[in-house]
Amino acid sequence: MNKFFNISIIKKITWKQLHRTKIQIRDALKDLEGHEKPKRESECILCRLRIVVDYKFVKPETGFIKTRAESGLCPARYAEVYNAVKRARSFGFMSPHHIRPEYLDDPKL
C-alpha cells in the first residue's frame, strides 16, 4: 500500500455516472452562454450627455476632487474636471478645501 495515496478511500465511479456528470457540465455551460458579463459603457456620462465641464465634481464632506472611480469619468473628461477645479481654486472662486456647513462638526477621519 502506498503511504501517500490511499486507494481504499476513493469512491468507485461507474461509466454511467461519469457520462451523466459530463452531460450535466455540458448543460450548465450551455445555460451560461446567454449570461455573459455585461460590458462596461465606453462613454462616461459627460461624454454621453455632452455636459460642459465645471467644478461640480467635488466631495461635499471633504472638499477634495472625486476620483475617477467615484465619478465614473473617462480619463480625458476627468483631466478637464481636475483642471477646471484647479483653475477655480487659483482664481479664488472656490476655497482650497470647500466643506459644506452641515459637515463642519464631523470628526476627522
PDB file of N, CA and C in Angstrom:
ATOM      1  N   MET A   1       0.833  -1.179   0.000  1.00  0.00           N
ATOM      2  CA  MET A   1       0.000   0.000   0.000  1.00  0.00           C
ATOM      3  C   MET A   1       0.882   1.250   0.000  1.00  0.00           C
ATOM      4  N   ASN A   2       0.528   2.177  -0.854  1.00  0.00           N
ATOM      5  CA  ASN A   2       1.277   3.418  -0.964  1.00  0.00           C
ATOM      6  C   ASN A   2       0.909   4.336   0.196  1.00  0.00           C
ATOM      7  N   LYS A   3       1.902   4.846   0.922  1.00  0.00           N
ATOM      8  CA  LYS A   3       1.595   5.662   2.093  1.00  0.00           C
ATOM      9  C   LYS A   3       1.129   7.075   1.722  1.00  0.00           C
ATOM     10  N   PHE A   4       1.352   7.513   0.477  1.00  0.00           N
ATOM     11  CA  PHE A   4       0.924   8.849   0.072  1.00  0.00           C
ATOM     12  C   PHE A   4      -0.463   8.858  -0.555  1.00  0.00           C
ATOM     13  N   PHE A   5      -0.901   7.749  -1.059  1.00  0.00           N
ATOM     14  CA  PHE A   5      -2.162   7.722  -1.787  1.00  0.00           C
ATOM     15  C   PHE A   5      -2.952   6.493  -1.369  1.00  0.00           C
ATOM     16  N   ASN A   6      -4.012   6.691  -0.631  1.00  0.00           N
ATOM     17  CA  ASN A   6      -4.817   5.586  -0.140  1.00  0.00           C
ATOM     18  C   ASN A   6      -5.964   5.335  -1.116  1.00  0.00           C
ATOM     19  N   ILE A   7      -5.872   4.255  -1.871  1.00  0.00           N
ATOM     20  CA  ILE A   7      -6.872   3.948  -2.886  1.00  0.00           C
ATOM     21  C   ILE A   7      -8.184   3.495  -2.260  1.00  0.00           C
ATOM     22  N   SER A   8      -8.161   2.999  -1.073  1.00  0.00           N
ATOM     23  CA  SER A   8      -9.384   2.481  -0.463  1.00  0.00           C
ATOM     24  C   SER A   8     -10.399   3.582  -0.162  1.00  0.00           C
ATOM     25  N   ILE A   9      -9.957   4.845  -0.079  1.00  0.00           N
ATOM     26  CA  ILE A   9     -10.916   5.912   0.226  1.00  0.00           C
ATOM     27  C   ILE A   9     -11.540   6.512  -1.027  1.00  0.00           C
ATOM     28  N   ILE A  10     -11.045   6.158  -2.194  1.00  0.00           N
ATOM     29  CA  ILE A  10     -11.600   6.690  -3.431  1.00  0.00           C
ATOM     30  C   ILE A  10     -12.888   5.956  -3.760  1.00  0.00           C
ATOM     31  N   LYS A  11     -13.937   6.728  -4.029  1.00  0.00           N
ATOM     32  CA  LYS A  11     -15.226   6.144  -4.386  1.00  0.00           C
ATOM     33  C   LYS A  11     -15.153   5.685  -5.838  1.00  0.00           C
ATOM     34  N   LYS A  12     -15.641   4.495  -6.065  1.00  0.00           N
ATOM     35  CA  LYS A  12     -15.625   3.981  -7.424  1.00  0.00           C
ATOM     36  C   LYS A  12     -16.767   4.621  -8.209  1.00  0.00           C
ATOM     37  N   ILE A  13     -16.433   5.184  -9.355  1.00  0.00           N
ATOM     38  CA  ILE A  13     -17.415   5.849 -10.202  1.00  0.00           C
ATOM     39  C   ILE A  13     -17.638   4.975 -11.425  1.00  0.00           C
ATOM     40  N   THR A  14     -18.899   4.723 -11.719  1.00  0.00           N
ATOM     41  CA  THR A  14     -19.215   3.914 -12.893  1.00  0.00           C
ATOM     42  C   THR A  14     -19.175   4.804 -14.132  1.00  0.00           C
ATOM     43  N   TRP A  15     -19.102   4.154 -15.295  1.00  0.00           N
ATOM     44  CA  TRP A  15     -19.092   4.904 -16.546  1.00  0.00           C
ATOM     45  C   TRP A  15     -20.396   5.653 -16.742  1.00  0.00           C
ATOM     46  N   LYS A  16     -21.488   5.091 -16.264  1.00  0.00           N
ATOM     47  CA  LYS A  16     -22.789   5.730 -16.401  1.00  0.00           C
ATOM     48  C   LYS A  16     -22.818   7.045 -15.610  1.00  0.00           C
ATOM     49  N   GLN A  17     -22.270   7.021 -14.389  1.00  0.00           N
ATOM     50  CA  GLN A  17     -22.231   8.233 -13.568  1.00  0.00           C
ATOM     51  C   GLN A  17     -21.320   9.284 -14.201  1.00  0.00           C
ATOM     52  N   LEU A  18     -20.216   8.830 -14.752  1.00  0.00           N
ATOM     53  CA  LEU A  18     -19.284   9.747 -15.390  1.00  0.00           C
ATOM     54  C   LEU A  18     -19.926  10.414 -16.603  1.00  0.00           C
ATOM     55  N   HIS A  19     -20.649   9.635 -17.414  1.00  0.00           N
ATOM     56  CA  HIS A  19     -21.325  10.177 -18.586  1.00  0.00           C
ATOM     57  C   HIS A  19     -22.402  11.174 -18.154  1.00  0.00           C
ATOM     58  N   ARG A  20     -23.136  10.852 -17.091  1.00  0.00           N
ATOM     59  CA  ARG A  20     -24.178  11.736 -16.579  1.00  0.00           C
ATOM     60  C   ARG A  20     -23.561  13.062 -16.102  1.00  0.00           C
ATOM     61  N   THR A  21     -22.408  12.992 -15.473  1.00  0.00           N
ATOM     62  CA  THR A  21     -21.727  14.195 -14.999  1.00  0.00           C
ATOM     63  C   THR A  21     -21.276  15.059 -16.172  1.00  0.00           C
ATOM     64  N   LYS A  22     -20.768  14.424 -17.231  1.00  0.00           N
ATOM     65  CA  LYS A  22     -20.356  15.173 -18.415  1.00  0.00           C
ATOM     66  C   LYS A  22     -21.544  15.901 -19.034  1.00  0.00           C
ATOM     67  N   ILE A  23     -22.690  15.241 -19.079  1.00  0.00           N
ATOM     68  CA  ILE A  23     -23.898  15.856 -19.637  1.00  0.00           C
ATOM     69  C   ILE A  23     -24.330  17.045 -18.778  1.00  0.00           C
ATOM     70  N   GLN A  24     -24.257  16.893 -17.459  1.00  0.00           N
ATOM     71  CA  GLN A  24     -24.641  17.989 -16.566  1.00  0.00           C
ATOM     72  C   GLN A  24     -23.724  19.195 -16.754  1.00  0.00           C
ATOM     73  N   ILE A  25     -22.443  18.941 -16.901  1.00  0.00           N
ATOM     74  CA  ILE A  25     -21.494  20.039 -17.116  1.00  0.00           C
ATOM     75  C   ILE A  25     -21.772  20.721 -18.448  1.00  0.00           C
ATOM     76  N   ARG A  26     -22.020  19.930 -19.492  1.00  0.00           N
ATOM     77  CA  ARG A  26     -22.308  20.497 -20.805  1.00  0.00           C
ATOM     78  C   ARG A  26     -23.572  21.347 -20.766  1.00  0.00           C
ATOM     79  N   ASP A  27     -24.620  20.863 -20.075  1.00  0.00           N
ATOM     80  CA  ASP A  27     -25.861  21.625 -19.967  1.00  0.00           C
ATOM     81  C   ASP A  27     -25.658  22.912 -19.174  1.00  0.00           C
ATOM     82  N   ALA A  28     -24.851  22.847 -18.131  1.00  0.00           N
ATOM     83  CA  ALA A  28     -24.583  24.044 -17.331  1.00  0.00           C
ATOM     84  C   ALA A  28     -23.835  25.088 -18.158  1.00  0.00           C
ATOM     85  N   LEU A  29     -22.903  24.641 -18.996  1.00  0.00           N
ATOM     86  CA  LEU A  29     -22.171  25.575 -19.848  1.00  0.00           C
ATOM     87  C   LEU A  29     -23.079  26.195 -20.898  1.00  0.00           C
ATOM     88  N   LYS A  30     -24.037  25.421 -21.418  1.00  0.00           N
ATOM     89  CA  LYS A  30     -24.988  25.967 -22.381  1.00  0.00           C
ATOM     90  C   LYS A  30     -25.849  27.042 -21.731  1.00  0.00           C
ATOM     91  N   ASP A  31     -26.239  26.823 -20.471  1.00  0.00           N
ATOM     92  CA  ASP A  31     -27.047  27.815 -19.761  1.00  0.00           C
ATOM     93  C   ASP A  31     -26.270  29.108 -19.546  1.00  0.00           C
ATOM     94  N   LEU A  32     -24.965  29.000 -19.352  1.00  0.00           N
ATOM     95  CA  LEU A  32     -24.153  30.183 -19.089  1.00  0.00           C
ATOM     96  C   LEU A  32     -23.823  30.985 -20.344  1.00  0.00           C
ATOM     97  N   GLU A  33     -24.012  30.409 -21.520  1.00  0.00           N
ATOM     98  CA  GLU A  33     -23.648  31.104 -22.752  1.00  0.00           C
ATOM     99  C   GLU A  33     -24.431  32.399 -22.931  1.00  0.00           C
ATOM    100  N   GLY A  34     -25.706  32.410 -22.582  1.00  0.00           N
ATOM    101  CA  GLY A  34     -26.521  33.607 -22.753  1.00  0.00           C
ATOM    102  C   GLY A  34     -26.276  34.659 -21.691  1.00  0.00           C
ATOM    103  N   HIS A  35     -25.661  34.276 -20.582  1.00  0.00           N
ATOM    104  CA  HIS A  35     -25.458  35.193 -19.459  1.00  0.00           C
ATOM    105  C   HIS A  35     -24.011  35.648 -19.408  1.00  0.00           C
ATOM    106  N   GLU A  36     -23.633  36.442 -20.386  1.00  0.00           N
ATOM    107  CA  GLU A  36     -22.265  36.934 -20.416  1.00  0.00           C
ATOM    108  C   GLU A  36     -22.141  38.156 -19.522  1.00  0.00           C
ATOM    109  N   LYS A  37     -20.946  38.428 -19.117  1.00  0.00           N
ATOM    110  CA  LYS A  37     -20.670  39.574 -18.260  1.00  0.00           C
ATOM    111  C   LYS A  37     -21.004  40.858 -19.025  1.00  0.00           C
ATOM    112  N   PRO A  38     -21.778  41.765 -18.413  1.00  0.00           N
ATOM    113  CA  PRO A  38     -22.125  42.988 -19.142  1.00  0.00           C
ATOM    114  C   PRO A  38     -20.887  43.842 -19.409  1.00  0.00           C
ATOM    115  N   LYS A  39     -20.836  44.407 -20.590  1.00  0.00           N
ATOM    116  CA  LYS A  39     -19.690  45.227 -20.956  1.00  0.00           C
ATOM    117  C   LYS A  39     -19.815  46.601 -20.314  1.00  0.00           C
ATOM    118  N   ARG A  40     -18.682  47.158 -19.976  1.00  0.00           N
ATOM    119  CA  ARG A  40     -18.658  48.484 -19.379  1.00  0.00           C
ATOM    120  C   ARG A  40     -18.937  49.516 -20.465  1.00  0.00           C
ATOM    121  N   GLU A  41     -19.692  50.538 -20.094  1.00  0.00           N
ATOM    122  CA  GLU A  41     -20.009  51.568 -21.068  1.00  0.00           C
ATOM    123  C   GLU A  41     -18.730  52.274 -21.507  1.00  0.00           C
ATOM    124  N   SER A  42     -18.626  52.512 -22.807  1.00  0.00           N
ATOM    125  CA  SER A  42     -17.402  53.108 -23.324  1.00  0.00           C
ATOM    126  C   SER A  42     -17.362  54.611 -23.083  1.00  0.00           C
ATOM    127  N   GLU A  43     -18.517  55.227 -22.948  1.00  0.00           N
ATOM    128  CA  GLU A  43     -18.554  56.662 -22.737  1.00  0.00           C
ATOM    129  C   GLU A  43     -18.921  56.978 -21.295  1.00  0.00           C
ATOM    130  N   CYS A  44     -18.323  58.016 -20.769  1.00  0.00           N
ATOM    131  CA  CYS A  44     -18.715  58.463 -19.435  1.00  0.00           C
ATOM    132  C   CYS A  44     -19.967  59.326 -19.576  1.00  0.00           C
ATOM    133  N   ILE A  45     -20.542  59.707 -18.464  1.00  0.00           N
ATOM    134  CA  ILE A  45     -21.799  60.451 -18.501  1.00  0.00           C
ATOM    135  C   ILE A  45     -21.616  61.837 -19.112  1.00  0.00           C
ATOM    136  N   LEU A  46     -20.461  62.447 -18.929  1.00  0.00           N
ATOM    137  CA  LEU A  46     -20.232  63.768 -19.522  1.00  0.00           C
ATOM    138  C   LEU A  46     -20.131  63.683 -21.037  1.00  0.00           C
ATOM    139  N   CYS A  47     -19.490  62.639 -21.531  1.00  0.00           N
ATOM    140  CA  CYS A  47     -19.375  62.455 -22.982  1.00  0.00           C
ATOM    141  C   CYS A  47     -20.737  62.117 -23.591  1.00  0.00           C
ATOM    142  N   ARG A  48     -21.481  61.243 -22.914  1.00  0.00           N
ATOM    143  CA  ARG A  48     -22.756  60.785 -23.440  1.00  0.00           C
ATOM    144  C   ARG A  48     -23.778  61.919 -23.507  1.00  0.00           C
ATOM    145  N   LEU A  49     -23.853  62.746 -22.464  1.00  0.00           N
ATOM    146  CA  LEU A  49     -24.847  63.818 -22.406  1.00  0.00           C
ATOM    147  C   LEU A  49     -24.304  65.164 -22.879  1.00  0.00           C
ATOM    148  N   ARG A  50     -23.045  65.200 -23.279  1.00  0.00           N
ATOM    149  CA  ARG A  50     -22.375  66.411 -23.781  1.00  0.00           C
ATOM    150  C   ARG A  50     -22.498  67.570 -22.783  1.00  0.00           C
ATOM    151  N   ILE A  51     -22.109  67.301 -21.550  1.00  0.00           N
ATOM    152  CA  ILE A  51     -22.175  68.293 -20.484  1.00  0.00           C
ATOM    153  C   ILE A  51     -20.880  69.095 -20.479  1.00  0.00           C
ATOM    154  N   VAL A  52     -21.019  70.402 -20.303  1.00  0.00           N
ATOM    155  CA  VAL A  52     -19.851  71.279 -20.217  1.00  0.00           C
ATOM    156  C   VAL A  52     -19.202  71.075 -18.852  1.00  0.00           C
ATOM    157  N   VAL A  53     -17.895  70.928 -18.842  1.00  0.00           N
ATOM    158  CA  VAL A  53     -17.161  70.623 -17.617  1.00  0.00           C
ATOM    159  C   VAL A  53     -17.023  71.876 -16.762  1.00  0.00           C
ATOM    160  N   ASP A  54     -17.284  71.721 -15.461  1.00  0.00           N
ATOM    161  CA  ASP A  54     -17.011  72.781 -14.500  1.00  0.00           C
ATOM    162  C   ASP A  54     -16.548  72.133 -13.203  1.00  0.00           C
ATOM    163  N   TYR A  55     -16.663  72.817 -12.113  1.00  0.00           N
ATOM    164  CA  TYR A  55     -16.081  72.328 -10.861  1.00  0.00           C
ATOM    165  C   TYR A  55     -17.107  71.645  -9.961  1.00  0.00           C
ATOM    166  N   LYS A  56     -18.055  70.887 -10.498  1.00  0.00           N
ATOM    167  CA  LYS A  56     -19.103  70.259  -9.692  1.00  0.00           C
ATOM    168  C   LYS A  56     -18.697  68.918  -9.095  1.00  0.00           C
ATOM    169  N   PHE A  57     -17.580  68.370  -9.478  1.00  0.00           N
ATOM    170  CA  PHE A  57     -17.189  67.040  -9.024  1.00  0.00           C
ATOM    171  C   PHE A  57     -16.277  67.118  -7.806  1.00  0.00           C
ATOM    172  N   VAL A  58     -16.787  67.737  -6.755  1.00  0.00           N
ATOM    173  CA  VAL A  58     -16.041  67.890  -5.513  1.00  0.00           C
ATOM    174  C   VAL A  58     -16.844  67.222  -4.411  1.00  0.00           C
ATOM    175  N   LYS A  59     -16.174  66.479  -3.541  1.00  0.00           N
ATOM    176  CA  LYS A  59     -16.862  65.821  -2.429  1.00  0.00           C
ATOM    177  C   LYS A  59     -17.368  66.879  -1.454  1.00  0.00           C
ATOM    178  N   PRO A  60     -18.657  66.839  -1.091  1.00  0.00           N
ATOM    179  CA  PRO A  60     -19.170  67.849  -0.168  1.00  0.00           C
ATOM    180  C   PRO A  60     -18.649  67.672   1.252  1.00  0.00           C
ATOM    181  N   GLU A  61     -18.250  66.454   1.629  1.00  0.00           N
ATOM    182  CA  GLU A  61     -17.791  66.206   3.002  1.00  0.00           C
ATOM    183  C   GLU A  61     -16.397  66.745   3.236  1.00  0.00           C
ATOM    184  N   THR A  62     -15.515  66.604   2.241  1.00  0.00           N
ATOM    185  CA  THR A  62     -14.110  66.959   2.439  1.00  0.00           C
ATOM    186  C   THR A  62     -13.651  68.120   1.574  1.00  0.00           C
ATOM    187  N   GLY A  63     -14.310  68.353   0.458  1.00  0.00           N
ATOM    188  CA  GLY A  63     -13.876  69.408  -0.446  1.00  0.00           C
ATOM    189  C   GLY A  63     -12.835  68.959  -1.444  1.00  0.00           C
ATOM    190  N   PHE A  64     -12.469  67.689  -1.443  1.00  0.00           N
ATOM    191  CA  PHE A  64     -11.490  67.175  -2.394  1.00  0.00           C
ATOM    192  C   PHE A  64     -12.182  66.752  -3.687  1.00  0.00           C
ATOM    193  N   ILE A  65     -11.416  66.680  -4.755  1.00  0.00           N
ATOM    194  CA  ILE A  65     -11.949  66.234  -6.038  1.00  0.00           C
ATOM    195  C   ILE A  65     -12.205  64.738  -5.968  1.00  0.00           C
ATOM    196  N   LYS A  66     -13.339  64.296  -6.516  1.00  0.00           N
ATOM    197  CA  LYS A  66     -13.650  62.867  -6.541  1.00  0.00           C
ATOM    198  C   LYS A  66     -12.673  62.153  -7.467  1.00  0.00           C
ATOM    199  N   THR A  67     -12.403  60.890  -7.168  1.00  0.00           N
ATOM    200  CA  THR A  67     -11.513  60.099  -8.015  1.00  0.00           C
ATOM    201  C   THR A  67     -12.247  59.670  -9.276  1.00  0.00           C
ATOM    202  N   ARG A  68     -11.507  59.118 -10.232  1.00  0.00           N
ATOM    203  CA  ARG A  68     -12.144  58.634 -11.464  1.00  0.00           C
ATOM    204  C   ARG A  68     -13.132  57.523 -11.166  1.00  0.00           C
ATOM    205  N   ALA A  69     -12.796  56.654 -10.218  1.00  0.00           N
ATOM    206  CA  ALA A  69     -13.684  55.542  -9.881  1.00  0.00           C
ATOM    207  C   ALA A  69     -14.974  56.053  -9.243  1.00  0.00           C
ATOM    208  N   GLU A  70     -14.877  57.061  -8.405  1.00  0.00           N
ATOM    209  CA  GLU A  70     -16.066  57.606  -7.748  1.00  0.00           C
ATOM    210  C   GLU A  70     -16.950  58.377  -8.714  1.00  0.00           C
ATOM    211  N   SER A  71     -16.342  59.124  -9.618  1.00  0.00           N
ATOM    212  CA  SER A  71     -17.125  59.951 -10.533  1.00  0.00           C
ATOM    213  C   SER A  71     -17.555  59.193 -11.781  1.00  0.00           C
ATOM    214  N   GLY A  72     -16.813  58.149 -12.162  1.00  0.00           N
ATOM    215  CA  GLY A  72     -17.161  57.358 -13.342  1.00  0.00           C
ATOM    216  C   GLY A  72     -16.827  58.061 -14.649  1.00  0.00           C
ATOM    217  N   LEU A  73     -15.854  58.938 -14.636  1.00  0.00           N
ATOM    218  CA  LEU A  73     -15.491  59.692 -15.831  1.00  0.00           C
ATOM    219  C   LEU A  73     -14.365  59.014 -16.596  1.00  0.00           C
ATOM    220  N   CYS A  74     -14.323  59.300 -17.897  1.00  0.00           N
ATOM    221  CA  CYS A  74     -13.220  58.794 -18.716  1.00  0.00           C
ATOM    222  C   CYS A  74     -11.979  59.641 -18.417  1.00  0.00           C
ATOM    223  N   PRO A  75     -10.790  59.171 -18.780  1.00  0.00           N
ATOM    224  CA  PRO A  75      -9.562  59.910 -18.450  1.00  0.00           C
ATOM    225  C   PRO A  75      -9.523  61.336 -19.011  1.00  0.00           C
ATOM    226  N   ALA A  76     -10.027  61.532 -20.228  1.00  0.00           N
ATOM    227  CA  ALA A  76      -9.979  62.866 -20.832  1.00  0.00           C
ATOM    228  C   ALA A  76     -10.873  63.841 -20.075  1.00  0.00           C
ATOM    229  N   ARG A  77     -12.101  63.415 -19.773  1.00  0.00           N
ATOM    230  CA  ARG A  77     -13.024  64.300 -19.054  1.00  0.00           C
ATOM    231  C   ARG A  77     -12.588  64.506 -17.612  1.00  0.00           C
ATOM    232  N   TYR A  78     -11.986  63.497 -17.000  1.00  0.00           N
ATOM    233  CA  TYR A  78     -11.507  63.666 -15.631  1.00  0.00           C
ATOM    234  C   TYR A  78     -10.401  64.719 -15.586  1.00  0.00           C
ATOM    235  N   ALA A  79      -9.536  64.723 -16.587  1.00  0.00           N
ATOM    236  CA  ALA A  79      -8.477  65.735 -16.646  1.00  0.00           C
ATOM    237  C   ALA A  79      -9.082  67.128 -16.801  1.00  0.00           C
ATOM    238  N   GLU A  80     -10.154  67.251 -17.603  1.00  0.00           N
ATOM    239  CA  GLU A  80     -10.823  68.542 -17.759  1.00  0.00           C
ATOM    240  C   GLU A  80     -11.430  69.007 -16.439  1.00  0.00           C
ATOM    241  N   VAL A  81     -12.085  68.089 -15.718  1.00  0.00           N
ATOM    242  CA  VAL A  81     -12.684  68.436 -14.428  1.00  0.00           C
ATOM    243  C   VAL A  81     -11.598  68.837 -13.442  1.00  0.00           C
ATOM    244  N   TYR A  82     -10.523  68.081 -13.404  1.00  0.00           N
ATOM    245  CA  TYR A  82      -9.421  68.370 -12.488  1.00  0.00           C
ATOM    246  C   TYR A  82      -8.850  69.761 -12.762  1.00  0.00           C
ATOM    247  N   ASN A  83      -8.638  70.075 -14.045  1.00  0.00           N
ATOM    248  CA  ASN A  83      -8.095  71.386 -14.407  1.00  0.00           C
ATOM    249  C   ASN A  83      -9.090  72.503 -14.110  1.00  0.00           C
ATOM    250  N   ALA A  84     -10.396  72.252 -14.301  1.00  0.00           N
ATOM    251  CA  ALA A  84     -11.407  73.270 -14.010  1.00  0.00           C
ATOM    252  C   ALA A  84     -11.455  73.581 -12.516  1.00  0.00           C
ATOM    253  N   VAL A  85     -11.384  72.555 -11.682  1.00  0.00           N
ATOM    254  CA  VAL A  85     -11.385  72.768 -10.230  1.00  0.00           C
ATOM    255  C   VAL A  85     -10.114  73.498  -9.815  1.00  0.00           C
ATOM    256  N   LYS A  86      -8.995  73.099 -10.382  1.00  0.00           N
ATOM    257  CA  LYS A  86      -7.715  73.737 -10.066  1.00  0.00           C
ATOM    258  C   LYS A  86      -7.734  75.219 -10.469  1.00  0.00           C
ATOM    259  N   ARG A  87      -8.296  75.497 -11.646  1.00  0.00           N
ATOM    260  CA  ARG A  87      -8.388  76.868 -12.138  1.00  0.00           C
ATOM    261  C   ARG A  87      -9.319  77.702 -11.249  1.00  0.00           C
ATOM    262  N   ALA A  88     -10.467  77.123 -10.852  1.00  0.00           N
ATOM    263  CA  ALA A  88     -11.416  77.839  -9.997  1.00  0.00           C
ATOM    264  C   ALA A  88     -10.792  78.150  -8.640  1.00  0.00           C
ATOM    265  N   ARG A  89     -10.008  77.230  -8.117  1.00  0.00           N
ATOM    266  CA  ARG A  89      -9.345  77.476  -6.832  1.00  0.00           C
ATOM    267  C   ARG A  89      -8.269  78.554  -6.966  1.00  0.00           C
ATOM    268  N   SER A  90      -7.537  78.543  -8.069  1.00  0.00           N
ATOM    269  CA  SER A  90      -6.468  79.537  -8.235  1.00  0.00           C
ATOM    270  C   SER A  90      -7.031  80.938  -8.466  1.00  0.00           C
ATOM    271  N   PHE A  91      -8.210  81.050  -9.094  1.00  0.00           N
ATOM    272  CA  PHE A  91      -8.838  82.352  -9.310  1.00  0.00           C
ATOM    273  C   PHE A  91      -9.617  82.829  -8.090  1.00  0.00           C
ATOM    274  N   GLY A  92      -9.774  81.963  -7.083  1.00  0.00           N
ATOM    275  CA  GLY A  92     -10.472  82.358  -5.867  1.00  0.00           C
ATOM    276  C   GLY A  92     -11.967  82.106  -5.896  1.00  0.00           C
ATOM    277  N   PHE A  93     -12.477  81.393  -6.903  1.00  0.00           N
ATOM    278  CA  PHE A  93     -13.903  81.077  -6.952  1.00  0.00           C
ATOM    279  C   PHE A  93     -14.265  79.960  -5.982  1.00  0.00           C
ATOM    280  N   MET A  94     -13.303  79.134  -5.643  1.00  0.00           N
ATOM    281  CA  MET A  94     -13.506  78.036  -4.689  1.00  0.00           C
ATOM    282  C   MET A  94     -12.405  78.097  -3.647  1.00  0.00           C
ATOM    283  N   SER A  95     -12.769  77.737  -2.420  1.00  0.00           N
ATOM    284  CA  SER A  95     -11.722  77.626  -1.408  1.00  0.00           C
ATOM    285  C   SER A  95     -10.958  76.326  -1.654  1.00  0.00           C
ATOM    286  N   PRO A  96      -9.718  76.235  -1.196  1.00  0.00           N
ATOM    287  CA  PRO A  96      -8.935  75.021  -1.466  1.00  0.00           C
ATOM    288  C   PRO A  96      -9.605  73.738  -0.974  1.00  0.00           C
ATOM    289  N   HIS A  97     -10.286  73.813   0.153  1.00  0.00           N
ATOM    290  CA  HIS A  97     -10.997  72.643   0.662  1.00  0.00           C
ATOM    291  C   HIS A  97     -12.373  73.087   1.120  1.00  0.00           C
ATOM    292  N   HIS A  98     -13.264  73.259   0.170  1.00  0.00           N
ATOM    293  CA  HIS A  98     -14.617  73.716   0.474  1.00  0.00           C
ATOM    294  C   HIS A  98     -15.378  72.616   1.196  1.00  0.00           C
ATOM    295  N   ILE A  99     -15.899  72.941   2.371  1.00  0.00           N
ATOM    296  CA  ILE A  99     -16.687  71.983   3.144  1.00  0.00           C
ATOM    297  C   ILE A  99     -18.032  72.624   3.445  1.00  0.00           C
ATOM    298  N   ARG A 100     -19.110  71.920   3.161  1.00  0.00           N
ATOM    299  CA  ARG A 100     -20.443  72.441   3.468  1.00  0.00           C
ATOM    300  C   ARG A 100     -20.598  72.622   4.971  1.00  0.00           C
ATOM    301  N   PRO A 101     -21.385  73.615   5.394  1.00  0.00           N
ATOM    302  CA  PRO A 101     -21.536  73.884   6.834  1.00  0.00           C
ATOM    303  C   PRO A 101     -22.073  72.702   7.634  1.00  0.00           C
ATOM    304  N   GLU A 102     -22.943  71.890   7.036  1.00  0.00           N
ATOM    305  CA  GLU A 102     -23.500  70.758   7.789  1.00  0.00           C
ATOM    306  C   GLU A 102     -22.462  69.676   8.083  1.00  0.00           C
ATOM    307  N   TYR A 103     -21.326  69.714   7.378  1.00  0.00           N
ATOM    308  CA  TYR A 103     -20.277  68.726   7.604  1.00  0.00           C
ATOM    309  C   TYR A 103     -19.135  69.259   8.473  1.00  0.00           C
ATOM    310  N   LEU A 104     -19.232  70.495   8.938  1.00  0.00           N
ATOM    311  CA  LEU A 104     -18.132  71.087   9.708  1.00  0.00           C
ATOM    312  C   LEU A 104     -17.916  70.412  11.058  1.00  0.00           C
ATOM    313  N   ASP A 105     -18.988  69.902  11.687  1.00  0.00           N
ATOM    314  CA  ASP A 105     -18.874  69.298  13.013  1.00  0.00           C
ATOM    315  C   ASP A 105     -18.484  67.824  12.970  1.00  0.00           C
ATOM    316  N   ASP A 106     -18.332  67.252  11.787  1.00  0.00           N
ATOM    317  CA  ASP A 106     -17.976  65.835  11.677  1.00  0.00           C
ATOM    318  C   ASP A 106     -16.550  65.602  12.172  1.00  0.00           C
ATOM    319  N   PRO A 107     -16.305  64.447  12.789  1.00  0.00           N
ATOM    320  CA  PRO A 107     -14.937  64.154  13.230  1.00  0.00           C
ATOM    321  C   PRO A 107     -14.025  63.907  12.031  1.00  0.00           C
ATOM    322  N   LYS A 108     -12.758  64.217  12.195  1.00  0.00           N
ATOM    323  CA  LYS A 108     -11.795  63.996  11.112  1.00  0.00           C
ATOM    324  C   LYS A 108     -11.461  62.517  11.035  1.00  0.00           C
ATOM    325  N   LEU A 109     -11.442  61.990   9.832  1.00  0.00           N
ATOM    326  CA  LEU A 109     -11.183  60.559   9.646  1.00  0.00           C
ATOM    327  C   LEU A 109      -9.725  60.289   9.430  1.00  0.00           C
TER     328      LEU A 109
END
